[in-house]
Amino acid sequence: MDDRFDAKERAREKQWSREKDDRSLAHGETSAQQLKRECGYFAFPRVRMTARGSKPLE
């Protein structure tokens, strides 16, 4: 089994996911706020990361 990262495959997966989200929004199956909550899991707040921790950007 080959577990190497395939950037092209990952790009296809991300595109498929975006298209699925667009269809869900267009058909009223989900709200923009719900998608923001679900997809925002990996979004980082406006903070500066350092070896000592983080602090909000002003």
C-alpha atoms as a PDB file:
ATOM      1  CA  MET A   1       0.000   0.000   0.000  1.00  0.00           C
ATOM      2  CA  ASP A   2       1.350   3.425  -1.013  1.00  0.00           C
ATOM      3  CA  ASP A   3       0.605   6.073   1.640  1.00  0.00           C
ATOM      4  CA  ARG A   4       2.455   8.944  -0.008  1.00  0.00           C
ATOM      5  CA  PHE A   5       0.700  12.293  -0.210  1.00  0.00           C
ATOM      6  CA  ASP A   6      -0.804  13.012  -3.625  1.00  0.00           C
ATOM      7  CA  ALA A   7      -1.255  16.779  -4.026  1.00  0.00           C
ATOM      8  CA  LYS A   8      -3.374  16.420  -7.173  1.00  0.00           C
ATOM      9  CA  GLU A   9      -5.714  13.962  -5.501  1.00  0.00           C
ATOM     10  CA  ARG A  10      -6.016  16.252  -2.475  1.00  0.00           C
ATOM     11  CA  ALA A  11      -6.839  19.179  -4.779  1.00  0.00           C
ATOM     12  CA  ARG A  12      -9.576  17.090  -6.435  1.00  0.00           C
ATOM     13  CA  GLU A  13     -10.994  16.169  -3.010  1.00  0.00           C
ATOM     14  CA  LYS A  14     -11.045  19.811  -1.913  1.00  0.00           C
ATOM     15  CA  GLN A  15     -12.712  20.890  -5.167  1.00  0.00           C
ATOM     16  CA  TRP A  16     -15.348  18.155  -4.797  1.00  0.00           C
ATOM     17  CA  SER A  17     -16.002  19.316  -1.233  1.00  0.00           C
ATOM     18  CA  ARG A  18     -16.396  22.957  -2.317  1.00  0.00           C
ATOM     19  CA  GLU A  19     -18.816  21.943  -5.065  1.00  0.00           C
ATOM     20  CA  LYS A  20     -20.814  19.854  -2.590  1.00  0.00           C
ATOM     21  CA  ASP A  21     -21.001  22.829  -0.203  1.00  0.00           C
ATOM     22  CA  ASP A  22     -22.121  25.107  -3.050  1.00  0.00           C
ATOM     23  CA  ARG A  23     -24.901  22.664  -3.999  1.00  0.00           C
ATOM     24  CA  SER A  24     -26.027  22.380  -0.376  1.00  0.00           C
ATOM     25  CA  LEU A  25     -26.250  26.157  -0.094  1.00  0.00           C
ATOM     26  CA  ALA A  26     -28.046  26.536  -3.430  1.00  0.00           C
ATOM     27  CA  HIS A  27     -30.669  23.932  -2.479  1.00  0.00           C
ATOM     28  CA  GLY A  28     -31.199  25.297   1.016  1.00  0.00           C
ATOM     29  CA  GLU A  29     -29.925  22.088   2.616  1.00  0.00           C
ATOM     30  CA  THR A  30     -27.534  24.053   4.810  1.00  0.00           C
ATOM     31  CA  SER A  31     -27.007  27.661   5.781  1.00  0.00           C
ATOM     32  CA  ALA A  32     -23.929  29.783   5.233  1.00  0.00           C
ATOM     33  CA  GLN A  33     -23.559  30.030   9.006  1.00  0.00           C
ATOM     34  CA  GLN A  34     -23.648  26.246   9.385  1.00  0.00           C
ATOM     35  CA  LEU A  35     -21.006  25.791   6.671  1.00  0.00           C
ATOM     36  CA  LYS A  36     -18.868  28.431   8.310  1.00  0.00           C
ATOM     37  CA  ARG A  37     -19.049  26.514  11.591  1.00  0.00           C
ATOM     38  CA  GLU A  38     -18.270  23.169   9.941  1.00  0.00           C
ATOM     39  CA  CYS A  39     -15.518  24.402   7.616  1.00  0.00           C
ATOM     40  CA  GLY A  40     -14.089  26.932  10.032  1.00  0.00           C
ATOM     41  CA  TYR A  41     -12.785  24.204  12.322  1.00  0.00           C
ATOM     42  CA  PHE A  42      -9.330  24.529  10.818  1.00  0.00           C
ATOM     43  CA  ALA A  43      -9.383  28.300  10.470  1.00  0.00           C
ATOM     44  CA  PHE A  44      -7.112  30.155  12.829  1.00  0.00           C
ATOM     45  CA  PRO A  45      -8.153  33.306  14.648  1.00  0.00           C
ATOM     46  CA  ARG A  46      -6.152  36.469  14.117  1.00  0.00           C
ATOM     47  CA  VAL A  47      -3.297  35.618  16.473  1.00  0.00           C
ATOM     48  CA  ARG A  48       0.469  35.727  16.331  1.00  0.00           C
ATOM     49  CA  MET A  49       2.091  32.400  17.186  1.00  0.00           C
ATOM     50  CA  THR A  50       5.460  32.361  18.892  1.00  0.00           C
ATOM     51  CA  ALA A  51       7.523  29.827  20.819  1.00  0.00           C
ATOM     52  CA  ARG A  52       6.124  31.375  24.006  1.00  0.00           C
ATOM     53  CA  GLY A  53       2.490  31.054  22.990  1.00  0.00           C
ATOM     54  CA  SER A  54       0.043  33.235  21.132  1.00  0.00           C
ATOM     55  CA  LYS A  55      -1.466  36.668  21.471  1.00  0.00           C
ATOM     56  CA  PRO A  56      -4.231  38.446  19.546  1.00  0.00           C
ATOM     57  CA  LEU A  57      -3.213  40.691  16.674  1.00  0.00           C
ATOM     58  CA  GLU A  58      -4.369  44.269  17.069  1.00  0.00           C
END
